[in-house]
Amino acid sequence: MKIAKEELVRDIEQARERLDSSIERKEDYEAIYQNSLDLDRLIEQYIASGF
């Protein structure tokens, strides 16, 4: 279970970096929105897992 938690935390950090980067590069709305949804989905998984 610890490995799964570490992987999920790593995935969340990577998704956050992608979102931040897309905002900094002023990408189009759809790209930023999709990155935001990806991050939200991962955070939701983290919370649902009870970590």
PDB file of N, CA and C in Angstrom:
ATOM      1  N   MET A   1       0.822  -1.196   0.000  1.00  0.00           N
ATOM      2  CA  MET A   1       0.000   0.000   0.000  1.00  0.00           C
ATOM      3  C   MET A   1       0.862   1.254   0.000  1.00  0.00           C
ATOM      4  N   LYS A   2       2.010   1.184   0.679  1.00  0.00           N
ATOM      5  CA  LYS A   2       2.899   2.339   0.731  1.00  0.00           C
ATOM      6  C   LYS A   2       3.417   2.693  -0.656  1.00  0.00           C
ATOM      7  N   ILE A   3       3.702   1.677  -1.466  1.00  0.00           N
ATOM      8  CA  ILE A   3       4.181   1.923  -2.823  1.00  0.00           C
ATOM      9  C   ILE A   3       3.105   2.621  -3.640  1.00  0.00           C
ATOM     10  N   ALA A   4       1.870   2.171  -3.516  1.00  0.00           N
ATOM     11  CA  ALA A   4       0.769   2.792  -4.249  1.00  0.00           C
ATOM     12  C   ALA A   4       0.621   4.261  -3.843  1.00  0.00           C
ATOM     13  N   LYS A   5       0.753   4.536  -2.548  1.00  0.00           N
ATOM     14  CA  LYS A   5       0.644   5.916  -2.067  1.00  0.00           C
ATOM     15  C   LYS A   5       1.764   6.762  -2.656  1.00  0.00           C
ATOM     16  N   GLU A   6       2.987   6.238  -2.635  1.00  0.00           N
ATOM     17  CA  GLU A   6       4.119   6.985  -3.173  1.00  0.00           C
ATOM     18  C   GLU A   6       3.953   7.243  -4.670  1.00  0.00           C
ATOM     19  N   GLU A   7       3.444   6.263  -5.391  1.00  0.00           N
ATOM     20  CA  GLU A   7       3.209   6.442  -6.827  1.00  0.00           C
ATOM     21  C   GLU A   7       2.147   7.495  -7.074  1.00  0.00           C
ATOM     22  N   LEU A   8       1.088   7.468  -6.293  1.00  0.00           N
ATOM     23  CA  LEU A   8       0.014   8.439  -6.460  1.00  0.00           C
ATOM     24  C   LEU A   8       0.502   9.847  -6.126  1.00  0.00           C
ATOM     25  N   VAL A   9       1.298   9.978  -5.069  1.00  0.00           N
ATOM     26  CA  VAL A   9       1.860  11.288  -4.714  1.00  0.00           C
ATOM     27  C   VAL A   9       2.754  11.789  -5.850  1.00  0.00           C
ATOM     28  N   ARG A  10       3.566  10.892  -6.422  1.00  0.00           N
ATOM     29  CA  ARG A  10       4.429  11.268  -7.542  1.00  0.00           C
ATOM     30  C   ARG A  10       3.591  11.719  -8.737  1.00  0.00           C
ATOM     31  N   ASP A  11       2.524  10.988  -9.027  1.00  0.00           N
ATOM     32  CA  ASP A  11       1.644  11.351 -10.146  1.00  0.00           C
ATOM     33  C   ASP A  11       0.973  12.703  -9.912  1.00  0.00           C
ATOM     34  N   ILE A  12       0.578  12.966  -8.670  1.00  0.00           N
ATOM     35  CA  ILE A  12      -0.033  14.261  -8.339  1.00  0.00           C
ATOM     36  C   ILE A  12       0.965  15.391  -8.550  1.00  0.00           C
ATOM     37  N   GLU A  13       2.178  15.199  -8.092  1.00  0.00           N
ATOM     38  CA  GLU A  13       3.209  16.236  -8.263  1.00  0.00           C
ATOM     39  C   GLU A  13       3.492  16.500  -9.750  1.00  0.00           C
ATOM     40  N   GLN A  14       3.565  15.440 -10.539  1.00  0.00           N
ATOM     41  CA  GLN A  14       3.805  15.605 -11.973  1.00  0.00           C
ATOM     42  C   GLN A  14       2.643  16.333 -12.635  1.00  0.00           C
ATOM     43  N   ALA A  15       1.424  15.991 -12.251  1.00  0.00           N
ATOM     44  CA  ALA A  15       0.247  16.659 -12.810  1.00  0.00           C
ATOM     45  C   ALA A  15       0.225  18.134 -12.424  1.00  0.00           C
ATOM     46  N   ARG A  16       0.606  18.417 -11.189  1.00  0.00           N
ATOM     47  CA  ARG A  16       0.666  19.817 -10.737  1.00  0.00           C
ATOM     48  C   ARG A  16       1.694  20.604 -11.527  1.00  0.00           C
ATOM     49  N   GLU A  17       2.840  19.982 -11.776  1.00  0.00           N
ATOM     50  CA  GLU A  17       3.880  20.638 -12.568  1.00  0.00           C
ATOM     51  C   GLU A  17       3.400  20.896 -14.003  1.00  0.00           C
ATOM     52  N   ARG A  18       2.689  19.927 -14.588  1.00  0.00           N
ATOM     53  CA  ARG A  18       2.149  20.128 -15.936  1.00  0.00           C
ATOM     54  C   ARG A  18       1.150  21.275 -15.960  1.00  0.00           C
ATOM     55  N   LEU A  19       0.288  21.332 -14.950  1.00  0.00           N
ATOM     56  CA  LEU A  19      -0.688  22.422 -14.875  1.00  0.00           C
ATOM     57  C   LEU A  19       0.017  23.763 -14.715  1.00  0.00           C
ATOM     58  N   ASP A  20       0.933  23.853 -13.784  1.00  0.00           N
ATOM     59  CA  ASP A  20       1.668  25.104 -13.573  1.00  0.00           C
ATOM     60  C   ASP A  20       2.383  25.539 -14.843  1.00  0.00           C
ATOM     61  N   SER A  21       2.999  24.598 -15.506  1.00  0.00           N
ATOM     62  CA  SER A  21       3.737  24.899 -16.728  1.00  0.00           C
ATOM     63  C   SER A  21       2.807  25.395 -17.831  1.00  0.00           C
ATOM     64  N   SER A  22       1.666  24.751 -17.970  1.00  0.00           N
ATOM     65  CA  SER A  22       0.732  25.166 -19.021  1.00  0.00           C
ATOM     66  C   SER A  22       0.187  26.567 -18.746  1.00  0.00           C
ATOM     67  N   ILE A  23       0.014  26.901 -17.473  1.00  0.00           N
ATOM     68  CA  ILE A  23      -0.433  28.252 -17.121  1.00  0.00           C
ATOM     69  C   ILE A  23       0.666  29.262 -17.414  1.00  0.00           C
ATOM     70  N   GLU A  24       1.897  28.944 -17.027  1.00  0.00           N
ATOM     71  CA  GLU A  24       3.023  29.852 -17.262  1.00  0.00           C
ATOM     72  C   GLU A  24       3.247  30.100 -18.756  1.00  0.00           C
ATOM     73  N   ARG A  25       3.067  29.053 -19.570  1.00  0.00           N
ATOM     74  CA  ARG A  25       3.266  29.194 -21.019  1.00  0.00           C
ATOM     75  C   ARG A  25       2.055  29.800 -21.714  1.00  0.00           C
ATOM     76  N   LYS A  26       1.012  30.083 -20.934  1.00  0.00           N
ATOM     77  CA  LYS A  26      -0.223  30.679 -21.452  1.00  0.00           C
ATOM     78  C   LYS A  26      -0.807  29.852 -22.588  1.00  0.00           C
ATOM     79  N   GLU A  27      -0.863  28.536 -22.330  1.00  0.00           N
ATOM     80  CA  GLU A  27      -1.465  27.643 -23.313  1.00  0.00           C
ATOM     81  C   GLU A  27      -2.953  27.946 -23.426  1.00  0.00           C
ATOM     82  N   ASP A  28      -3.584  27.363 -24.438  1.00  0.00           N
ATOM     83  CA  ASP A  28      -5.007  27.637 -24.627  1.00  0.00           C
ATOM     84  C   ASP A  28      -5.820  27.058 -23.469  1.00  0.00           C
ATOM     85  N   TYR A  29      -7.013  27.585 -23.335  1.00  0.00           N
ATOM     86  CA  TYR A  29      -7.885  27.235 -22.224  1.00  0.00           C
ATOM     87  C   TYR A  29      -8.107  25.733 -22.109  1.00  0.00           C
ATOM     88  N   GLU A  30      -8.342  25.068 -23.227  1.00  0.00           N
ATOM     89  CA  GLU A  30      -8.628  23.634 -23.210  1.00  0.00           C
ATOM     90  C   GLU A  30      -7.470  22.829 -22.600  1.00  0.00           C
ATOM     91  N   ALA A  31      -6.244  23.187 -22.934  1.00  0.00           N
ATOM     92  CA  ALA A  31      -5.076  22.475 -22.401  1.00  0.00           C
ATOM     93  C   ALA A  31      -4.960  22.689 -20.895  1.00  0.00           C
ATOM     94  N   ILE A  32      -5.137  23.920 -20.460  1.00  0.00           N
ATOM     95  CA  ILE A  32      -5.059  24.225 -19.032  1.00  0.00           C
ATOM     96  C   ILE A  32      -6.188  23.512 -18.290  1.00  0.00           C
ATOM     97  N   TYR A  33      -7.371  23.554 -18.865  1.00  0.00           N
ATOM     98  CA  TYR A  33      -8.527  22.907 -18.243  1.00  0.00           C
ATOM     99  C   TYR A  33      -8.307  21.398 -18.120  1.00  0.00           C
ATOM    100  N   GLN A  34      -7.797  20.778 -19.157  1.00  0.00           N
ATOM    101  CA  GLN A  34      -7.551  19.340 -19.130  1.00  0.00           C
ATOM    102  C   GLN A  34      -6.499  18.986 -18.070  1.00  0.00           C
ATOM    103  N   ASN A  35      -5.444  19.784 -17.990  1.00  0.00           N
ATOM    104  CA  ASN A  35      -4.425  19.555 -16.956  1.00  0.00           C
ATOM    105  C   ASN A  35      -5.018  19.698 -15.555  1.00  0.00           C
ATOM    106  N   SER A  36      -5.922  20.649 -15.392  1.00  0.00           N
ATOM    107  CA  SER A  36      -6.587  20.847 -14.114  1.00  0.00           C
ATOM    108  C   SER A  36      -7.467  19.643 -13.765  1.00  0.00           C
ATOM    109  N   LEU A  37      -8.200  19.141 -14.748  1.00  0.00           N
ATOM    110  CA  LEU A  37      -9.044  17.966 -14.521  1.00  0.00           C
ATOM    111  C   LEU A  37      -8.209  16.747 -14.150  1.00  0.00           C
ATOM    112  N   ASP A  38      -7.076  16.578 -14.823  1.00  0.00           N
ATOM    113  CA  ASP A  38      -6.186  15.453 -14.511  1.00  0.00           C
ATOM    114  C   ASP A  38      -5.703  15.522 -13.068  1.00  0.00           C
ATOM    115  N   LEU A  39      -5.294  16.710 -12.645  1.00  0.00           N
ATOM    116  CA  LEU A  39      -4.833  16.892 -11.270  1.00  0.00           C
ATOM    117  C   LEU A  39      -5.964  16.635 -10.285  1.00  0.00           C
ATOM    118  N   ASP A  40      -7.134  17.172 -10.562  1.00  0.00           N
ATOM    119  CA  ASP A  40      -8.286  16.960  -9.682  1.00  0.00           C
ATOM    120  C   ASP A  40      -8.622  15.477  -9.550  1.00  0.00           C
ATOM    121  N   ARG A  41      -8.556  14.741 -10.647  1.00  0.00           N
ATOM    122  CA  ARG A  41      -8.862  13.307 -10.631  1.00  0.00           C
ATOM    123  C   ARG A  41      -7.880  12.563  -9.721  1.00  0.00           C
ATOM    124  N   LEU A  42      -6.604  12.907  -9.817  1.00  0.00           N
ATOM    125  CA  LEU A  42      -5.594  12.250  -8.986  1.00  0.00           C
ATOM    126  C   LEU A  42      -5.766  12.596  -7.510  1.00  0.00           C
ATOM    127  N   ILE A  43      -6.082  13.833  -7.217  1.00  0.00           N
ATOM    128  CA  ILE A  43      -6.311  14.234  -5.837  1.00  0.00           C
ATOM    129  C   ILE A  43      -7.541  13.513  -5.276  1.00  0.00           C
ATOM    130  N   GLU A  44      -8.558  13.377  -6.104  1.00  0.00           N
ATOM    131  CA  GLU A  44      -9.759  12.656  -5.695  1.00  0.00           C
ATOM    132  C   GLU A  44      -9.424  11.195  -5.373  1.00  0.00           C
ATOM    133  N   GLN A  45      -8.583  10.572  -6.180  1.00  0.00           N
ATOM    134  CA  GLN A  45      -8.156   9.194  -5.921  1.00  0.00           C
ATOM    135  C   GLN A  45      -7.400   9.106  -4.591  1.00  0.00           C
ATOM    136  N   TYR A  46      -6.545  10.085  -4.343  1.00  0.00           N
ATOM    137  CA  TYR A  46      -5.768  10.111  -3.103  1.00  0.00           C
ATOM    138  C   TYR A  46      -6.700  10.181  -1.898  1.00  0.00           C
ATOM    139  N   ILE A  47      -7.667  11.079  -1.962  1.00  0.00           N
ATOM    140  CA  ILE A  47      -8.601  11.249  -0.850  1.00  0.00           C
ATOM    141  C   ILE A  47      -9.457   9.991  -0.666  1.00  0.00           C
ATOM    142  N   ALA A  48      -9.954   9.450  -1.771  1.00  0.00           N
ATOM    143  CA  ALA A  48     -10.804   8.256  -1.711  1.00  0.00           C
ATOM    144  C   ALA A  48     -10.044   7.050  -1.160  1.00  0.00           C
ATOM    145  N   SER A  49      -8.734   7.040  -1.363  1.00  0.00           N
ATOM    146  CA  SER A  49      -7.917   5.923  -0.879  1.00  0.00           C
ATOM    147  C   SER A  49      -7.669   5.992   0.622  1.00  0.00           C
ATOM    148  N   GLY A  50      -7.972   7.141   1.217  1.00  0.00           N
ATOM    149  CA  GLY A  50      -7.828   7.301   2.656  1.00  0.00           C
ATOM    150  C   GLY A  50      -6.404   7.502   3.137  1.00  0.00           C
ATOM    151  N   PHE A  51      -5.548   8.012   2.244  1.00  0.00           N
ATOM    152  CA  PHE A  51      -4.151   8.229   2.634  1.00  0.00           C
ATOM    153  C   PHE A  51      -4.044   9.419   3.508  1.00  0.00           C
TER     154      PHE A  51
END
